[in-house]
């Protein structure tokens, strides 16, 4: 049972969940507003109350029981025919060079720590992210990818080791990109807010000075808010206590108090005298020591100024400044987030999109970790059995029938895909989320009900989809003015290139089969948007499953045999 408290938190039987509310900027194209984080659970999580009451939950139990019986039958048949349940030839293959692979992966992960001093240099103004920082960022990430690919080829690892290290390097690159690009974006927002604050200071000088502007704004506010409705306010309250979005009304009412107004005028004069110095010294301005507290408080007052230009500048500053502060309970302000501890927590959280603050749980449940560990081990045992008994022995060769190979591999590959999906998104991601107190567990949606490839690509892998949505699709539309169709093509093109890279490293071949199959999805997506097709949900779902059933064995036969 989940109940929401007055402070915006959710109390559940598992603990308290802190919510990070979405925010959409009025004055800027805030790309991170497209991705919101909130407390959610995966569909197959045993603690998900909604899934526990689903009328089809019995089929989930039936699926696992059937797989278990199928595995036992496979073991018994193997013992009768060969004298052993499993040969473990596949295990011997993917366990080779395990120490070297572990050390290589450790070095890869350790390399990402360089993002922190780079982000610190950006926050201090030593590097301008647009575009010096962006170029350096892309150059570094390209080097990481090239070194990883070269290393895998040099080691001549089997396909499991090569595929794992390549995929993990892509994950680390996406994490680094999101971390640096978000901090670089906030640097530009911080500089814009400094400029708007300086412009606001000049605008108040043209309407009689800062003191007069403050008096005029408070007078207009007092007229809009009758004195009889204005409650008494403790003038000793700190600005930050009063300047949260949820208490804006209380904050503005307090400005009708004479003592508070006098104190505000003194602080405004102090900001005015040091504004030019703060503008030149971005470190002093960006860290929010003066602008983040007094500037926000004063801008709230001036947003009620009768002069539209002054009020507009004050509102624009408030809008920009709000992007520099998280909306969660911690109220993290950029660049206070640029720390090694913050980056380490971000690395542990199973997401590829960086935020100043995420919704969190308040405790780790050891029983939950144990449950996901057991589920991982059991699912991996099933996956290994399917791979060794029904996929590897049926590996196609050029002299075999093409269609017979597709028929033999269709069901084993589908079972392997479902198990691998469950292992990654239900077991591993949930376990890391629990260890990092991450409350947003929606790593996938009901992709099995998809009626088009667009819906499938949107639902089956939410972490990658969120990354592509913010940093590729939305970024290209906002920065380069691309249309929806063109931005979608760029997104699919980049995704297809990454998938083809993995296949090239795994198979040691460049065939472009997967690349072409992914690009073919674009016209299919456009066709699926037709009203006639959208009305027939059942037919769309049947076509989707047929494509998925045929796709995996088709890729295997194409890359292995040709």
Protein backbone atom coordinates (compact mmCIF):
# COMPACT_ATOMS: atom_id res chain seq x y z
CA UNK A 1 0.00 0.00 0.00
CA UNK A 2 1.39 3.40 -0.97
CA UNK A 3 0.36 6.72 0.62
CA UNK A 4 1.65 10.18 -0.16
CA UNK A 5 2.77 12.44 2.67
CA UNK A 6 2.45 16.21 2.79
CA UNK A 7 6.13 16.78 1.96
CA UNK A 8 5.85 15.00 -1.39
CA UNK A 9 7.15 11.63 -0.25
CA UNK A 10 5.55 8.22 -0.66
CA UNK A 11 5.34 5.93 2.37
CA UNK A 12 5.22 2.22 1.54
CA UNK A 13 5.66 -1.02 3.38
CA UNK A 14 9.24 -1.11 2.08
CA UNK A 15 10.18 2.38 3.23
CA UNK A 16 9.86 6.04 2.29
CA UNK A 17 10.35 7.06 -1.33
CA UNK A 18 11.54 10.56 -2.16
CA UNK A 19 10.03 11.95 -5.35
CA UNK A 20 11.82 14.14 -7.86
CA UNK A 21 9.08 16.15 -9.53
CA UNK A 22 9.34 16.93 -13.24
CA UNK A 23 10.00 20.53 -14.25
CA UNK A 24 9.55 22.15 -17.64
CA UNK A 25 11.38 25.38 -18.30
CA UNK A 26 9.51 28.33 -19.81
CA UNK A 27 12.53 30.34 -20.96
CA UNK A 28 14.77 27.51 -22.19
CA UNK A 29 14.44 24.26 -24.06
CA UNK A 30 15.14 22.12 -21.06
CA UNK A 31 15.86 18.68 -22.50
CA UNK A 32 16.09 16.90 -19.16
CA UNK A 33 12.45 17.73 -18.49
CA UNK A 34 11.55 15.05 -21.04
CA UNK A 35 12.91 12.38 -18.70
CA UNK A 36 11.38 12.26 -15.24
CA UNK A 37 12.19 9.98 -12.34
CA UNK A 38 9.63 8.82 -9.81
CA UNK A 39 9.17 5.81 -7.51
CA UNK A 40 8.12 2.87 -9.72
CA UNK A 41 8.56 -0.89 -9.77
CA UNK A 42 9.11 -3.43 -12.52
CA UNK A 43 6.20 -5.56 -13.71
CA UNK A 44 7.65 -8.86 -12.52
CA UNK A 45 8.84 -7.62 -9.14
CA UNK A 46 7.22 -9.65 -6.36
CA UNK A 47 6.77 -6.45 -4.32
CA UNK A 48 4.77 -4.77 -7.08
CA UNK A 49 1.21 -4.52 -5.75
CA UNK A 50 -0.25 -3.96 -9.23
CA UNK A 51 1.35 -7.03 -10.75
CA UNK A 52 0.34 -9.09 -7.73
CA UNK A 53 -3.32 -8.46 -8.52
CA UNK A 54 -3.00 -9.00 -12.28
CA UNK A 55 -5.41 -11.67 -13.54
CA UNK A 56 -2.68 -13.20 -15.72
CA UNK A 57 -0.17 -13.67 -12.89
CA UNK A 58 -0.78 -17.42 -12.96
CA UNK A 59 0.73 -17.61 -16.44
CA UNK A 60 3.95 -16.17 -15.02
CA UNK A 61 4.09 -19.04 -12.52
CA UNK A 62 3.23 -21.50 -15.27
CA UNK A 63 6.07 -20.19 -17.44
CA UNK A 64 8.70 -20.85 -14.77
CA UNK A 65 7.29 -24.25 -13.84
CA UNK A 66 7.27 -25.28 -17.50
CA UNK A 67 10.87 -24.16 -17.97
CA UNK A 68 11.91 -26.07 -14.87
CA UNK A 69 10.24 -29.27 -16.04
CA UNK A 70 11.69 -28.81 -19.51
CA UNK A 71 15.18 -28.42 -18.03
CA UNK A 72 14.83 -31.51 -15.84
CA UNK A 73 13.64 -33.51 -18.85
CA UNK A 74 16.65 -32.25 -20.82
CA UNK A 75 19.05 -33.31 -18.06
CA UNK A 76 17.49 -36.77 -17.76
CA UNK A 77 17.66 -37.34 -21.52
CA UNK A 78 21.30 -36.19 -21.59
CA UNK A 79 22.25 -38.55 -18.75
CA UNK A 80 20.59 -41.48 -20.49
CA UNK A 81 22.27 -40.71 -23.83
CA UNK A 82 25.70 -39.40 -22.76
CA UNK A 83 26.17 -40.29 -19.11
CA UNK A 84 26.16 -36.64 -17.96
CA UNK A 85 23.59 -33.83 -17.65
CA UNK A 86 25.74 -31.08 -19.19
CA UNK A 87 29.11 -31.18 -20.90
CA UNK A 88 30.09 -27.68 -19.68
CA UNK A 89 32.00 -27.09 -22.91
CA UNK A 90 30.28 -23.71 -23.22
CA UNK A 91 31.23 -22.84 -19.63
CA UNK A 92 34.86 -23.67 -20.34
CA UNK A 93 34.78 -21.38 -23.35
CA UNK A 94 33.30 -18.28 -21.69
CA UNK A 95 35.34 -18.72 -18.49
CA UNK A 96 38.65 -18.47 -20.32
CA UNK A 97 40.74 -15.37 -19.60
CA UNK A 98 38.35 -14.51 -16.75
CA UNK A 99 41.03 -12.71 -14.71
CA UNK A 100 42.23 -10.66 -17.68
CA UNK A 101 38.65 -9.76 -18.56
CA UNK A 102 37.91 -8.71 -14.97
CA UNK A 103 41.02 -6.52 -14.81
CA UNK A 104 40.23 -4.98 -18.20
CA UNK A 105 36.70 -4.17 -17.09
CA UNK A 106 37.98 -2.73 -13.80
CA UNK A 107 40.33 -0.45 -15.73
CA UNK A 108 37.46 0.61 -17.98
CA UNK A 109 35.25 1.54 -15.05
CA UNK A 110 38.12 3.29 -13.24
CA UNK A 111 38.77 5.45 -16.30
CA UNK A 112 35.34 7.06 -15.94
CA UNK A 113 36.46 8.80 -12.74
CA UNK A 114 38.24 11.32 -14.99
CA UNK A 115 34.81 12.83 -15.61
CA UNK A 116 34.83 14.42 -12.16
CA UNK A 117 37.91 16.70 -12.56
CA UNK A 118 36.69 17.50 -16.07
CA UNK A 119 33.28 18.53 -14.70
CA UNK A 120 35.01 20.53 -11.97
CA UNK A 121 36.99 22.42 -14.61
CA UNK A 122 33.71 23.17 -16.39
CA UNK A 123 32.01 24.35 -13.20
CA UNK A 124 34.91 26.68 -12.39
CA UNK A 125 34.86 28.19 -15.85
CA UNK A 126 38.28 26.90 -16.84
CA UNK A 127 36.68 25.08 -19.80
CA UNK A 128 33.72 26.32 -21.81
CA UNK A 129 31.55 23.29 -22.50
CA UNK A 130 30.12 24.82 -25.67
CA UNK A 131 32.11 23.90 -27.62
CA UNK A 132 35.59 23.22 -26.28
CA UNK A 133 34.36 20.88 -23.56
CA UNK A 134 32.05 19.03 -25.93
CA UNK A 135 34.87 18.40 -28.41
CA UNK A 136 37.20 17.16 -25.65
CA UNK A 137 34.44 14.95 -24.31
CA UNK A 138 33.77 13.30 -27.65
CA UNK A 139 37.49 12.83 -28.30
CA UNK A 140 38.00 11.11 -24.94
CA UNK A 141 34.98 8.82 -25.38
CA UNK A 142 36.11 7.91 -28.90
CA UNK A 143 39.53 6.95 -27.52
CA UNK A 144 37.90 4.76 -24.85
CA UNK A 145 35.85 2.94 -27.47
CA UNK A 146 38.77 2.50 -29.87
CA UNK A 147 41.06 1.18 -27.13
CA UNK A 148 38.40 -1.26 -25.96
CA UNK A 149 37.72 -2.57 -29.47
CA UNK A 150 41.45 -2.85 -30.25
CA UNK A 151 42.08 -4.67 -26.99
CA UNK A 152 39.34 -7.24 -27.61
CA UNK A 153 40.72 -7.97 -31.09
CA UNK A 154 44.28 -8.17 -29.73
CA UNK A 155 43.29 -10.69 -27.06
CA UNK A 156 41.37 -12.85 -29.56
CA UNK A 157 38.71 -13.52 -26.95
CA UNK A 158 35.69 -15.74 -27.64
CA UNK A 159 32.45 -13.99 -28.52
CA UNK A 160 31.11 -13.90 -24.93
CA UNK A 161 34.11 -12.02 -23.51
CA UNK A 162 34.39 -9.69 -26.51
CA UNK A 163 30.68 -8.93 -26.49
CA UNK A 164 30.58 -8.27 -22.75
CA UNK A 165 33.50 -5.83 -22.71
CA UNK A 166 32.24 -4.00 -25.80
CA UNK A 167 28.70 -3.65 -24.43
CA UNK A 168 29.99 -2.50 -21.04
CA UNK A 169 32.24 0.08 -22.70
CA UNK A 170 29.19 1.46 -24.54
CA UNK A 171 27.31 1.65 -21.24
CA UNK A 172 30.18 3.51 -19.58
CA UNK A 173 30.44 5.89 -22.55
CA UNK A 174 26.73 6.69 -22.32
CA UNK A 175 27.01 7.29 -18.59
CA UNK A 176 30.02 9.58 -19.05
CA UNK A 177 28.33 11.45 -21.87
CA UNK A 178 25.19 12.13 -19.84
CA UNK A 179 27.19 13.24 -16.78
CA UNK A 180 29.41 15.67 -18.68
CA UNK A 181 26.72 17.00 -21.03
CA UNK A 182 24.28 17.73 -18.19
CA UNK A 183 26.95 19.56 -16.18
CA UNK A 184 28.02 21.41 -19.32
CA UNK A 185 24.42 22.38 -20.02
CA UNK A 186 24.04 23.67 -16.45
CA UNK A 187 27.19 25.75 -16.94
CA UNK A 188 25.50 27.53 -19.84
CA UNK A 189 22.33 28.00 -17.79
CA UNK A 190 24.35 29.42 -14.90
CA UNK A 191 26.06 31.91 -17.18
CA UNK A 192 22.75 32.94 -18.71
CA UNK A 193 21.28 33.50 -15.26
CA UNK A 194 24.26 35.70 -14.36
CA UNK A 195 23.68 37.76 -17.48
CA UNK A 196 19.96 38.08 -16.80
CA UNK A 197 20.68 39.12 -13.21
CA UNK A 198 23.06 41.82 -14.46
CA UNK A 199 20.43 42.97 -16.96
CA UNK A 200 17.84 43.00 -14.17
CA UNK A 201 20.15 45.18 -12.10
CA UNK A 202 20.40 47.65 -14.98
CA UNK A 203 16.65 47.61 -15.56
CA UNK A 204 15.94 48.47 -11.93
CA UNK A 205 18.35 51.41 -12.20
CA UNK A 206 16.24 52.80 -15.05
CA UNK A 207 13.06 52.72 -12.95
CA UNK A 208 14.42 54.66 -9.99
CA UNK A 209 17.02 52.36 -8.50
CA UNK A 210 16.97 49.08 -6.63
CA UNK A 211 15.33 50.44 -3.49
CA UNK A 212 12.54 52.08 -5.45
CA UNK A 213 12.03 48.98 -7.61
CA UNK A 214 11.72 46.83 -4.51
CA UNK A 215 9.23 49.23 -2.92
CA UNK A 216 7.14 49.37 -6.12
CA UNK A 217 7.10 45.58 -6.39
CA UNK A 218 6.06 45.12 -2.78
CA UNK A 219 3.36 47.79 -3.16
CA UNK A 220 1.90 46.03 -6.17
CA UNK A 221 2.05 42.72 -4.34
CA UNK A 222 0.31 44.27 -1.33
CA UNK A 223 -2.47 45.55 -3.60
CA UNK A 224 -2.93 42.10 -5.08
CA UNK A 225 -2.82 40.49 -1.64
CA UNK A 226 -5.04 42.43 0.82
CA UNK A 227 -3.38 43.15 4.12
CA UNK A 228 -6.19 41.40 5.97
CA UNK A 229 -5.25 38.14 4.28
CA UNK A 230 -1.52 38.49 4.96
CA UNK A 231 -0.49 36.35 7.93
CA UNK A 232 2.24 37.32 10.31
CA UNK A 233 5.64 36.08 9.24
CA UNK A 234 8.72 35.35 11.29
CA UNK A 235 11.30 37.81 9.94
CA UNK A 236 14.10 35.62 11.25
CA UNK A 237 13.33 32.89 8.71
CA UNK A 238 16.18 32.20 6.37
CA UNK A 239 15.79 32.97 2.67
CA UNK A 240 16.25 29.32 1.67
CA UNK A 241 13.52 28.25 4.07
CA UNK A 242 11.11 30.60 2.35
CA UNK A 243 12.21 30.36 -1.26
CA UNK A 244 11.17 26.84 -2.17
CA UNK A 245 8.58 26.54 -4.98
CA UNK A 246 5.99 25.09 -2.60
CA UNK A 247 6.20 28.16 -0.30
CA UNK A 248 6.30 30.90 -2.90
CA UNK A 249 3.01 32.32 -1.68
CA UNK A 250 4.27 32.55 1.90
CA UNK A 251 7.51 34.08 0.67
CA UNK A 252 5.76 36.83 -1.28
CA UNK A 253 3.41 37.61 1.60
CA UNK A 254 6.39 38.12 3.88
CA UNK A 255 7.64 40.97 1.70
CA UNK A 256 4.80 43.18 2.94
CA UNK A 257 6.44 43.15 6.37
CA UNK A 258 8.35 46.39 6.90
CA UNK A 259 11.31 44.83 8.72
CA UNK A 260 11.66 42.10 6.14
CA UNK A 261 11.54 44.66 3.34
CA UNK A 262 14.30 46.67 4.95
CA UNK A 263 16.47 43.58 5.30
CA UNK A 264 15.81 42.68 1.70
CA UNK A 265 16.80 46.15 0.50
CA UNK A 266 20.10 45.83 2.36
CA UNK A 267 20.82 42.46 0.79
CA UNK A 268 19.83 43.77 -2.61
CA UNK A 269 22.25 46.64 -2.25
CA UNK A 270 25.00 44.19 -1.29
CA UNK A 271 24.31 42.11 -4.39
CA UNK A 272 24.24 45.22 -6.54
CA UNK A 273 27.66 46.35 -5.36
CA UNK A 274 29.24 42.96 -6.05
CA UNK A 275 27.31 42.00 -9.16
CA UNK A 276 29.97 43.08 -11.63
CA UNK A 277 32.66 41.22 -9.72
CA UNK A 278 30.53 38.08 -9.57
CA UNK A 279 29.87 38.26 -13.29
CA UNK A 280 33.59 38.26 -14.01
CA UNK A 281 34.29 35.54 -11.49
CA UNK A 282 32.10 32.66 -12.57
CA UNK A 283 33.13 30.50 -9.69
CA UNK A 284 31.75 32.94 -7.17
CA UNK A 285 28.55 33.29 -9.15
CA UNK A 286 28.04 29.70 -10.15
CA UNK A 287 28.36 28.20 -6.70
CA UNK A 288 25.26 30.05 -5.57
CA UNK A 289 26.88 31.76 -2.55
CA UNK A 290 25.12 35.04 -3.26
CA UNK A 291 23.02 34.62 -6.36
CA UNK A 292 21.51 31.30 -5.29
CA UNK A 293 20.04 32.69 -2.05
CA UNK A 294 19.58 36.46 -2.08
CA UNK A 295 19.27 36.71 -5.85
CA UNK A 296 16.37 34.26 -5.93
CA UNK A 297 14.68 35.95 -3.00
CA UNK A 298 14.93 39.38 -4.55
CA UNK A 299 13.89 38.16 -7.96
CA UNK A 300 10.71 36.81 -6.37
CA UNK A 301 9.94 40.34 -5.20
CA UNK A 302 10.78 42.00 -8.51
CA UNK A 303 8.66 39.50 -10.44
CA UNK A 304 5.68 41.55 -9.18
CA UNK A 305 7.12 44.88 -10.37
CA UNK A 306 4.62 47.01 -12.35
CA UNK A 307 7.18 47.46 -15.14
CA UNK A 308 6.76 44.48 -17.50
CA UNK A 309 10.42 44.49 -18.52
CA UNK A 310 11.65 44.31 -14.92
CA UNK A 311 9.09 41.67 -13.98
CA UNK A 312 9.91 39.66 -17.10
CA UNK A 313 13.63 39.66 -16.35
CA UNK A 314 12.98 38.62 -12.75
CA UNK A 315 10.79 35.72 -13.87
CA UNK A 316 13.36 34.66 -16.47
CA UNK A 317 16.07 34.64 -13.82
CA UNK A 318 13.90 32.57 -11.49
CA UNK A 319 13.19 30.16 -14.31
CA UNK A 320 16.89 29.77 -15.16
CA UNK A 321 17.95 29.48 -11.55
CA UNK A 322 15.37 26.75 -10.87
CA UNK A 323 17.15 24.56 -13.42
CA UNK A 324 20.29 24.71 -11.31
CA UNK A 325 18.54 23.18 -8.29
CA UNK A 326 17.07 19.71 -7.98
CA UNK A 327 13.42 19.38 -7.07
CA UNK A 328 13.93 16.56 -4.58
CA UNK A 329 14.19 16.84 -0.78
CA UNK A 330 17.95 17.48 -0.85
CA UNK A 331 17.63 20.59 -3.09
CA UNK A 332 21.03 19.92 -4.68
CA UNK A 333 22.39 23.03 -6.39
CA UNK A 334 24.84 22.94 -9.26
CA UNK A 335 27.86 22.75 -8.99
CA UNK A 336 27.67 21.28 -5.49
CA UNK A 337 26.87 17.97 -7.17
CA UNK A 338 30.29 17.75 -8.84
CA UNK A 339 31.96 15.47 -6.30
CA UNK A 340 33.56 12.04 -6.45
CA UNK A 341 30.93 10.65 -4.09
CA UNK A 342 28.07 11.89 -6.27
CA UNK A 343 29.68 10.36 -9.36
CA UNK A 344 30.28 7.04 -7.60
CA UNK A 345 26.63 6.84 -6.59
CA UNK A 346 25.61 7.72 -10.15
CA UNK A 347 27.79 4.91 -11.47
CA UNK A 348 26.08 2.45 -9.15
CA UNK A 349 22.56 3.58 -10.05
CA UNK A 350 21.15 1.58 -13.01
CA UNK A 351 20.39 4.54 -15.26
CA UNK A 352 22.14 6.14 -18.22
CA UNK A 353 20.64 9.59 -17.66
CA UNK A 354 22.27 11.89 -15.13
CA UNK A 355 20.24 14.05 -12.75
CA UNK A 356 21.18 16.28 -9.84
CA UNK A 357 18.99 14.14 -7.59
CA UNK A 358 17.03 10.91 -7.97
CA UNK A 359 14.06 9.54 -6.03
CA UNK A 360 15.49 7.40 -3.25
CA UNK A 361 14.46 4.73 -0.78
CA UNK A 362 15.58 4.98 2.83
CA UNK A 363 16.95 1.48 3.38
CA UNK A 364 18.38 -1.63 1.75
CA UNK A 365 16.39 -4.85 2.15
CA UNK A 366 18.76 -7.85 2.51
CA UNK A 367 15.94 -10.30 1.77
CA UNK A 368 15.21 -8.50 -1.49
CA UNK A 369 18.88 -8.70 -2.52
CA UNK A 370 18.88 -12.41 -1.68
CA UNK A 371 15.72 -12.95 -3.73
CA UNK A 372 17.19 -11.26 -6.82
CA UNK A 373 20.47 -13.16 -6.39
CA UNK A 374 18.67 -16.52 -6.30
CA UNK A 375 16.51 -15.48 -9.28
CA UNK A 376 19.65 -14.52 -11.19
CA UNK A 377 21.38 -17.82 -10.50
CA UNK A 378 18.34 -19.90 -11.38
CA UNK A 379 17.62 -17.94 -14.57
CA UNK A 380 21.26 -18.15 -15.62
CA UNK A 381 21.22 -21.92 -15.13
CA UNK A 382 18.19 -22.15 -17.42
CA UNK A 383 19.81 -19.83 -19.97
CA UNK A 384 23.00 -21.88 -19.95
CA UNK A 385 21.06 -25.10 -20.48
CA UNK A 386 19.19 -23.66 -23.46
CA UNK A 387 22.38 -22.30 -25.01
CA UNK A 388 24.46 -25.47 -24.59
CA UNK A 389 21.79 -28.01 -25.49
CA UNK A 390 19.65 -26.29 -28.11
CA UNK A 391 21.61 -23.40 -29.67
CA UNK A 392 25.30 -24.30 -29.89
CA UNK A 393 24.69 -27.85 -31.25
CA UNK A 394 22.43 -26.33 -33.92
CA UNK A 395 24.85 -23.61 -34.99
CA UNK A 396 24.19 -23.27 -38.74
CA UNK A 397 26.77 -23.95 -41.46
CA UNK A 398 26.70 -22.88 -45.11
CA UNK A 399 25.78 -26.38 -46.31
CA UNK A 400 22.68 -26.63 -44.09
CA UNK A 401 19.18 -25.70 -45.19
CA UNK A 402 18.54 -22.03 -44.49
CA UNK A 403 14.88 -22.48 -43.56
CA UNK A 404 15.54 -25.59 -41.45
CA UNK A 405 18.11 -23.62 -39.45
CA UNK A 406 15.55 -20.86 -38.87
CA UNK A 407 12.98 -23.41 -37.71
CA UNK A 408 15.40 -25.21 -35.37
CA UNK A 409 16.68 -22.02 -33.74
CA UNK A 410 13.50 -19.92 -33.50
CA UNK A 411 12.17 -21.29 -30.20
CA UNK A 412 15.55 -21.72 -28.41
CA UNK A 413 16.55 -18.17 -29.29
CA UNK A 414 13.21 -16.79 -28.08
CA UNK A 415 13.54 -18.61 -24.75
CA UNK A 416 17.13 -17.39 -24.43
CA UNK A 417 16.05 -13.81 -25.18
CA UNK A 418 13.30 -13.91 -22.54
CA UNK A 419 15.68 -15.33 -19.93
CA UNK A 420 18.41 -12.83 -20.76
CA UNK A 421 15.89 -9.99 -20.58
CA UNK A 422 14.73 -11.20 -17.16
CA UNK A 423 18.30 -11.56 -15.87
CA UNK A 424 19.38 -8.06 -16.92
CA UNK A 425 16.33 -5.91 -16.28
CA UNK A 426 14.61 -7.76 -13.46
CA UNK A 427 17.49 -9.27 -11.48
CA UNK A 428 20.64 -7.21 -12.08
CA UNK A 429 19.04 -3.76 -12.46
CA UNK A 430 16.75 -4.24 -9.45
CA UNK A 431 19.65 -5.49 -7.31
CA UNK A 432 21.82 -2.47 -8.17
CA UNK A 433 18.84 -0.17 -7.63
CA UNK A 434 18.33 -1.61 -4.17
CA UNK A 435 22.02 -1.26 -3.28
CA UNK A 436 22.04 2.38 -4.45
CA UNK A 437 18.69 3.32 -2.83
CA UNK A 438 17.29 4.08 -6.30
CA UNK A 439 13.48 4.17 -6.20
CA UNK A 440 12.64 4.38 -9.91
CA UNK A 441 12.66 0.72 -10.97
CA UNK A 442 10.80 1.07 -14.29
CA UNK A 443 13.53 -0.54 -16.39
CA UNK A 444 10.98 -1.84 -18.89
CA UNK A 445 7.30 -1.60 -19.71
CA UNK A 446 4.84 -4.10 -21.18
CA UNK A 447 6.77 -4.56 -24.41
CA UNK A 448 5.16 -7.98 -24.93
CA UNK A 449 1.93 -6.14 -25.82
CA UNK A 450 3.67 -4.05 -28.50
CA UNK A 451 1.83 -3.56 -31.77
CA UNK A 452 4.75 -1.92 -33.60
CA UNK A 453 8.53 -1.83 -33.51
CA UNK A 454 8.38 1.78 -32.37
CA UNK A 455 6.49 0.72 -29.26
CA UNK A 456 8.87 -2.18 -28.66
CA UNK A 457 11.97 0.02 -28.93
CA UNK A 458 10.36 2.45 -26.50
CA UNK A 459 9.40 -0.11 -23.86
CA UNK A 460 11.77 -3.06 -23.73
CA UNK A 461 14.96 -1.23 -22.65
CA UNK A 462 13.99 1.94 -20.79
CA UNK A 463 17.52 2.99 -19.68
CA UNK A 464 18.86 3.07 -23.25
CA UNK A 465 15.62 4.55 -24.59
CA UNK A 466 15.77 7.38 -22.04
CA UNK A 467 19.37 8.12 -23.01
CA UNK A 468 18.59 8.21 -26.73
CA UNK A 469 15.48 10.30 -26.12
CA UNK A 470 17.28 13.00 -24.19
CA UNK A 471 20.77 13.06 -25.63
CA UNK A 472 20.10 12.15 -29.27
CA UNK A 473 16.49 12.67 -30.32
CA UNK A 474 15.61 15.71 -28.20
CA UNK A 475 19.12 17.17 -28.42
CA UNK A 476 19.21 17.09 -32.23
CA UNK A 477 15.73 18.60 -32.45
CA UNK A 478 16.56 21.43 -30.03
CA UNK A 479 20.10 22.16 -31.26
CA UNK A 480 19.72 21.67 -35.00
CA UNK A 481 15.99 22.16 -35.54
CA UNK A 482 15.47 18.70 -37.02
CA UNK A 483 11.98 17.43 -37.72
CA UNK A 484 10.57 14.49 -35.78
CA UNK A 485 11.17 12.11 -38.67
CA UNK A 486 14.74 13.27 -39.24
CA UNK A 487 15.57 13.14 -35.53
CA UNK A 488 14.10 9.64 -35.37
CA UNK A 489 16.27 8.59 -38.31
CA UNK A 490 19.40 9.98 -36.63
CA UNK A 491 18.51 8.14 -33.42
CA UNK A 492 17.92 4.83 -35.20
CA UNK A 493 21.06 5.31 -37.28
CA UNK A 494 23.24 5.80 -34.19
CA UNK A 495 21.60 2.86 -32.42
CA UNK A 496 22.02 0.65 -35.50
CA UNK A 497 25.70 1.55 -35.77
CA UNK A 498 26.27 0.62 -32.12
CA UNK A 499 24.49 -2.72 -32.57
CA UNK A 500 26.45 -3.49 -35.74
CA UNK A 501 29.70 -2.66 -33.96
CA UNK A 502 28.92 -5.25 -31.31
CA UNK A 503 28.06 -7.86 -33.94
CA UNK A 504 31.26 -7.12 -35.86
CA UNK A 505 33.37 -7.62 -32.73
CA UNK A 506 31.51 -10.76 -31.67
CA UNK A 507 31.55 -12.48 -35.08
CA UNK A 508 34.79 -10.90 -36.41
CA UNK A 509 32.82 -10.05 -39.56
CA UNK A 510 31.44 -6.86 -41.10
CA UNK A 511 28.20 -7.78 -42.82
CA UNK A 512 25.82 -4.89 -41.87
CA UNK A 513 22.87 -7.28 -41.59
CA UNK A 514 21.72 -5.99 -38.20
CA UNK A 515 22.35 -2.40 -39.26
CA UNK A 516 20.06 -2.77 -42.27
CA UNK A 517 17.40 -4.64 -40.30
CA UNK A 518 17.21 -1.81 -37.78
CA UNK A 519 16.99 0.89 -40.43
CA UNK A 520 14.17 -1.04 -42.12
CA UNK A 521 12.18 -0.45 -38.93
CA UNK A 522 11.86 3.26 -39.78
CA UNK A 523 9.50 2.86 -42.78
CA UNK A 524 7.68 0.10 -40.87
CA UNK A 525 7.14 2.52 -37.99
CA UNK A 526 5.74 5.15 -40.34
CA UNK A 527 3.40 2.58 -41.88
CA UNK A 528 2.29 1.36 -38.44
CA UNK A 529 1.04 4.87 -37.62
CA UNK A 530 -1.72 4.53 -40.21
CA UNK A 531 -5.18 4.61 -38.53
CA UNK A 532 -6.22 1.34 -40.18
CA UNK A 533 -3.29 -0.53 -38.65
CA UNK A 534 -3.52 1.19 -35.27
CA UNK A 535 -7.13 0.10 -34.90
CA UNK A 536 -6.20 -3.57 -35.31
CA UNK A 537 -4.16 -4.13 -32.14
CA UNK A 538 -4.29 -7.92 -32.33
CA UNK A 539 -2.88 -8.03 -35.85
CA UNK A 540 -0.13 -5.58 -34.85
CA UNK A 541 0.87 -7.74 -31.89
CA UNK A 542 0.91 -10.91 -34.04
CA UNK A 543 3.14 -9.23 -36.63
CA UNK A 544 5.43 -8.00 -33.86
CA UNK A 545 5.89 -11.48 -32.37
CA UNK A 546 6.41 -13.04 -35.79
CA UNK A 547 9.15 -10.50 -36.49
CA UNK A 548 10.79 -11.17 -33.13
CA UNK A 549 10.60 -14.93 -33.60
CA UNK A 550 12.17 -14.71 -37.06
CA UNK A 551 14.70 -11.98 -36.27
CA UNK A 552 16.98 -13.82 -33.82
CA UNK A 553 17.58 -17.02 -35.84
CA UNK A 554 17.80 -14.96 -39.04
CA UNK A 555 20.65 -12.91 -37.60
CA UNK A 556 22.38 -16.03 -36.29
CA UNK A 557 22.21 -17.82 -39.64
CA UNK A 558 23.23 -14.69 -41.56
CA UNK A 559 26.29 -13.85 -39.44
CA UNK A 560 27.48 -17.40 -38.73
CA UNK A 561 26.88 -19.13 -42.04
CA UNK A 562 27.33 -16.27 -44.52
